[in-house]
C-alpha atoms as a PDB file:
ATOM      1  CA  UNK A   1     -22.885 -59.295   0.607  1.00  0.00           C
ATOM      2  CA  UNK A   2     -22.409 -55.952   0.541  1.00  0.00           C
ATOM      3  CA  UNK A   3     -23.191 -52.810   1.830  1.00  0.00           C
ATOM      4  CA  UNK A   4     -26.001 -50.834   3.471  1.00  0.00           C
ATOM      5  CA  UNK A   5     -25.939 -47.061   3.802  1.00  0.00           C
ATOM      6  CA  UNK A   6     -28.413 -44.202   4.589  1.00  0.00           C
ATOM      7  CA  UNK A   7     -31.256 -44.113   1.959  1.00  0.00           C
ATOM      8  CA  UNK A   8     -31.248 -41.538  -0.458  1.00  0.00           C
ATOM      9  CA  UNK A   9     -32.724 -38.277   0.167  1.00  0.00           C
ATOM     10  CA  UNK A  10     -36.584 -37.706  -1.301  1.00  0.00           C
ATOM     11  CA  UNK A  11     -36.690 -41.753  -1.553  1.00  0.00           C
ATOM     12  CA  UNK A  12     -39.203 -44.477   0.102  1.00  0.00           C
ATOM     13  CA  UNK A  13     -37.350 -46.145   2.912  1.00  0.00           C
ATOM     14  CA  UNK A  14     -38.770 -49.155   2.423  1.00  0.00           C
ATOM     15  CA  UNK A  15     -37.717 -49.625  -1.136  1.00  0.00           C
ATOM     16  CA  UNK A  16     -34.049 -49.703  -0.054  1.00  0.00           C
ATOM     17  CA  UNK A  17     -32.650 -47.545  -2.752  1.00  0.00           C
ATOM     18  CA  UNK A  18     -28.897 -46.444  -2.784  1.00  0.00           C
ATOM     19  CA  UNK A  19     -26.495 -45.060  -4.727  1.00  0.00           C
ATOM     20  CA  UNK A  20     -23.860 -47.123  -5.686  1.00  0.00           C
ATOM     21  CA  UNK A  21     -20.027 -46.241  -5.938  1.00  0.00           C
ATOM     22  CA  UNK A  22     -16.458 -47.675  -5.837  1.00  0.00           C
ATOM     23  CA  UNK A  23     -16.400 -48.378  -1.841  1.00  0.00           C
ATOM     24  CA  UNK A  24     -19.467 -50.706  -2.799  1.00  0.00           C
ATOM     25  CA  UNK A  25     -17.416 -52.047  -5.660  1.00  0.00           C
ATOM     26  CA  UNK A  26     -14.736 -52.811  -3.398  1.00  0.00           C
ATOM     27  CA  UNK A  27     -16.647 -54.973  -0.866  1.00  0.00           C
ATOM     28  CA  UNK A  28     -17.942 -56.614  -3.831  1.00  0.00           C
ATOM     29  CA  UNK A  29     -14.339 -57.579  -4.934  1.00  0.00           C
ATOM     30  CA  UNK A  30     -13.375 -58.582  -1.496  1.00  0.00           C
ATOM     31  CA  UNK A  31     -16.278 -60.699  -0.787  1.00  0.00           C
ATOM     32  CA  UNK A  32     -15.844 -62.357  -4.273  1.00  0.00           C
ATOM     33  CA  UNK A  33     -12.350 -62.789  -3.380  1.00  0.00           C
ATOM     34  CA  UNK A  34     -12.834 -64.677  -0.466  1.00  0.00           C
ATOM     35  CA  UNK A  35     -15.456 -66.913  -1.793  1.00  0.00           C
ATOM     36  CA  UNK A  36     -13.152 -67.868  -4.454  1.00  0.00           C
ATOM     37  CA  UNK A  37     -10.210 -68.501  -2.046  1.00  0.00           C
ATOM     38  CA  UNK A  38     -12.412 -70.872  -0.275  1.00  0.00           C
ATOM     39  CA  UNK A  39     -13.907 -72.294  -3.283  1.00  0.00           C
ATOM     40  CA  UNK A  40     -13.683 -75.970  -1.531  1.00  0.00           C
ATOM     41  CA  UNK A  41     -16.402 -74.995   0.912  1.00  0.00           C
ATOM     42  CA  UNK A  42     -18.371 -72.009  -1.319  1.00  0.00           C
ATOM     43  CA  UNK A  43     -20.053 -73.691  -4.030  1.00  0.00           C
ATOM     44  CA  UNK A  44     -22.326 -70.812  -5.229  1.00  0.00           C
ATOM     45  CA  UNK A  45     -22.569 -67.298  -4.458  1.00  0.00           C
ATOM     46  CA  UNK A  46     -25.325 -64.702  -5.905  1.00  0.00           C
ATOM     47  CA  UNK A  47     -26.160 -61.124  -5.501  1.00  0.00           C
ATOM     48  CA  UNK A  48     -29.942 -60.988  -3.903  1.00  0.00           C
ATOM     49  CA  UNK A  49     -30.319 -57.555  -4.949  1.00  0.00           C
ATOM     50  CA  UNK A  50     -29.951 -56.501  -8.849  1.00  0.00           C
ATOM     51  CA  UNK A  51     -32.058 -53.300  -9.751  1.00  0.00           C
ATOM     52  CA  UNK A  52     -32.580 -50.166  -7.699  1.00  0.00           C
ATOM     53  CA  UNK A  53     -31.491 -51.493  -4.123  1.00  0.00           C
ATOM     54  CA  UNK A  54     -28.523 -52.524  -1.818  1.00  0.00           C
ATOM     55  CA  UNK A  55     -25.328 -53.088  -3.554  1.00  0.00           C
ATOM     56  CA  UNK A  56     -27.689 -53.143  -7.007  1.00  0.00           C
ATOM     57  CA  UNK A  57     -25.760 -53.968 -10.423  1.00  0.00           C
ATOM     58  CA  UNK A  58     -27.990 -51.588 -12.320  1.00  0.00           C
ATOM     59  CA  UNK A  59     -29.523 -48.242 -11.536  1.00  0.00           C
ATOM     60  CA  UNK A  60     -33.017 -46.980 -13.107  1.00  0.00           C
ATOM     61  CA  UNK A  61     -34.735 -43.890 -13.188  1.00  0.00           C
ATOM     62  CA  UNK A  62     -37.744 -43.815 -15.512  1.00  0.00           C
ATOM     63  CA  UNK A  63     -36.195 -44.917 -19.260  1.00  0.00           C
ATOM     64  CA  UNK A  64     -32.496 -44.189 -18.114  1.00  0.00           C
ATOM     65  CA  UNK A  65     -30.507 -47.198 -16.772  1.00  0.00           C
ATOM     66  CA  UNK A  66     -26.606 -47.511 -16.128  1.00  0.00           C
ATOM     67  CA  UNK A  67     -24.614 -50.141 -14.481  1.00  0.00           C
ATOM     68  CA  UNK A  68     -22.985 -49.543 -11.555  1.00  0.00           C
ATOM     69  CA  UNK A  69     -19.343 -50.368 -10.365  1.00  0.00           C
ATOM     70  CA  UNK A  70     -20.750 -53.673  -8.479  1.00  0.00           C
ATOM     71  CA  UNK A  71     -21.865 -54.562 -11.873  1.00  0.00           C
ATOM     72  CA  UNK A  72     -18.089 -54.188 -13.517  1.00  0.00           C
ATOM     73  CA  UNK A  73     -16.780 -56.301 -10.489  1.00  0.00           C
ATOM     74  CA  UNK A  74     -19.254 -59.172 -11.057  1.00  0.00           C
ATOM     75  CA  UNK A  75     -18.228 -58.679 -14.968  1.00  0.00           C
ATOM     76  CA  UNK A  76     -14.527 -59.298 -14.022  1.00  0.00           C
ATOM     77  CA  UNK A  77     -15.183 -62.618 -11.738  1.00  0.00           C
ATOM     78  CA  UNK A  78     -17.057 -64.147 -14.587  1.00  0.00           C
ATOM     79  CA  UNK A  79     -13.883 -65.647 -15.605  1.00  0.00           C
ATOM     80  CA  UNK A  80     -14.009 -67.791 -12.517  1.00  0.00           C
ATOM     81  CA  UNK A  81     -17.201 -69.456 -13.175  1.00  0.00           C
ATOM     82  CA  UNK A  82     -16.585 -73.273 -13.188  1.00  0.00           C
ATOM     83  CA  UNK A  83     -12.969 -72.781 -12.592  1.00  0.00           C
ATOM     84  CA  UNK A  84     -10.537 -74.809 -10.589  1.00  0.00           C
ATOM     85  CA  UNK A  85      -9.235 -72.816  -7.906  1.00  0.00           C
ATOM     86  CA  UNK A  86      -5.196 -73.614  -7.900  1.00  0.00           C
ATOM     87  CA  UNK A  87      -3.602 -72.652  -4.741  1.00  0.00           C
ATOM     88  CA  UNK A  88      -0.495 -70.704  -4.767  1.00  0.00           C
ATOM     89  CA  UNK A  89       2.262 -69.548  -2.282  1.00  0.00           C
ATOM     90  CA  UNK A  90       4.777 -66.857  -2.775  1.00  0.00           C
ATOM     91  CA  UNK A  91       8.442 -67.485  -1.193  1.00  0.00           C
ATOM     92  CA  UNK A  92      11.465 -65.393  -1.726  1.00  0.00           C
ATOM     93  CA  UNK A  93      14.186 -63.690   0.590  1.00  0.00           C
ATOM     94  CA  UNK A  94      13.376 -61.054   2.771  1.00  0.00           C
ATOM     95  CA  UNK A  95      13.542 -57.702   1.506  1.00  0.00           C
ATOM     96  CA  UNK A  96      14.845 -54.630   2.995  1.00  0.00           C
ATOM     97  CA  UNK A  97      15.636 -50.738   2.458  1.00  0.00           C
ATOM     98  CA  UNK A  98      16.536 -47.649   4.428  1.00  0.00           C
ATOM     99  CA  UNK A  99      12.787 -47.518   5.963  1.00  0.00           C
ATOM    100  CA  UNK A 100      11.025 -50.962   5.763  1.00  0.00           C
ATOM    101  CA  UNK A 101      11.830 -54.479   6.262  1.00  0.00           C
ATOM    102  CA  UNK A 102       9.403 -57.224   4.653  1.00  0.00           C
ATOM    103  CA  UNK A 103       9.719 -60.814   5.978  1.00  0.00           C
ATOM    104  CA  UNK A 104      10.054 -63.687   3.238  1.00  0.00           C
END
């Protein structure tokens, strides 16, 4: 799971370092949500890269360290560890306004 962008200028291409942003966090959240919705088939999922690589959760520069947006997505999903999926379905009347109509 994750994104793969151009390498950062001035970094070694072989080390796969890339900056992590909100777009990476959105990809992580979408993917984890898909895994969660298919919990009957997906028994375990892990992030392969954790520090200074693709979709990293932690970025370091010498003694400096920061937690990336992807880290916080994983933190938010920890409540799903060992949880039971309860399928839900939303039903209601059609919604209509002057400009749009949403089916039930």
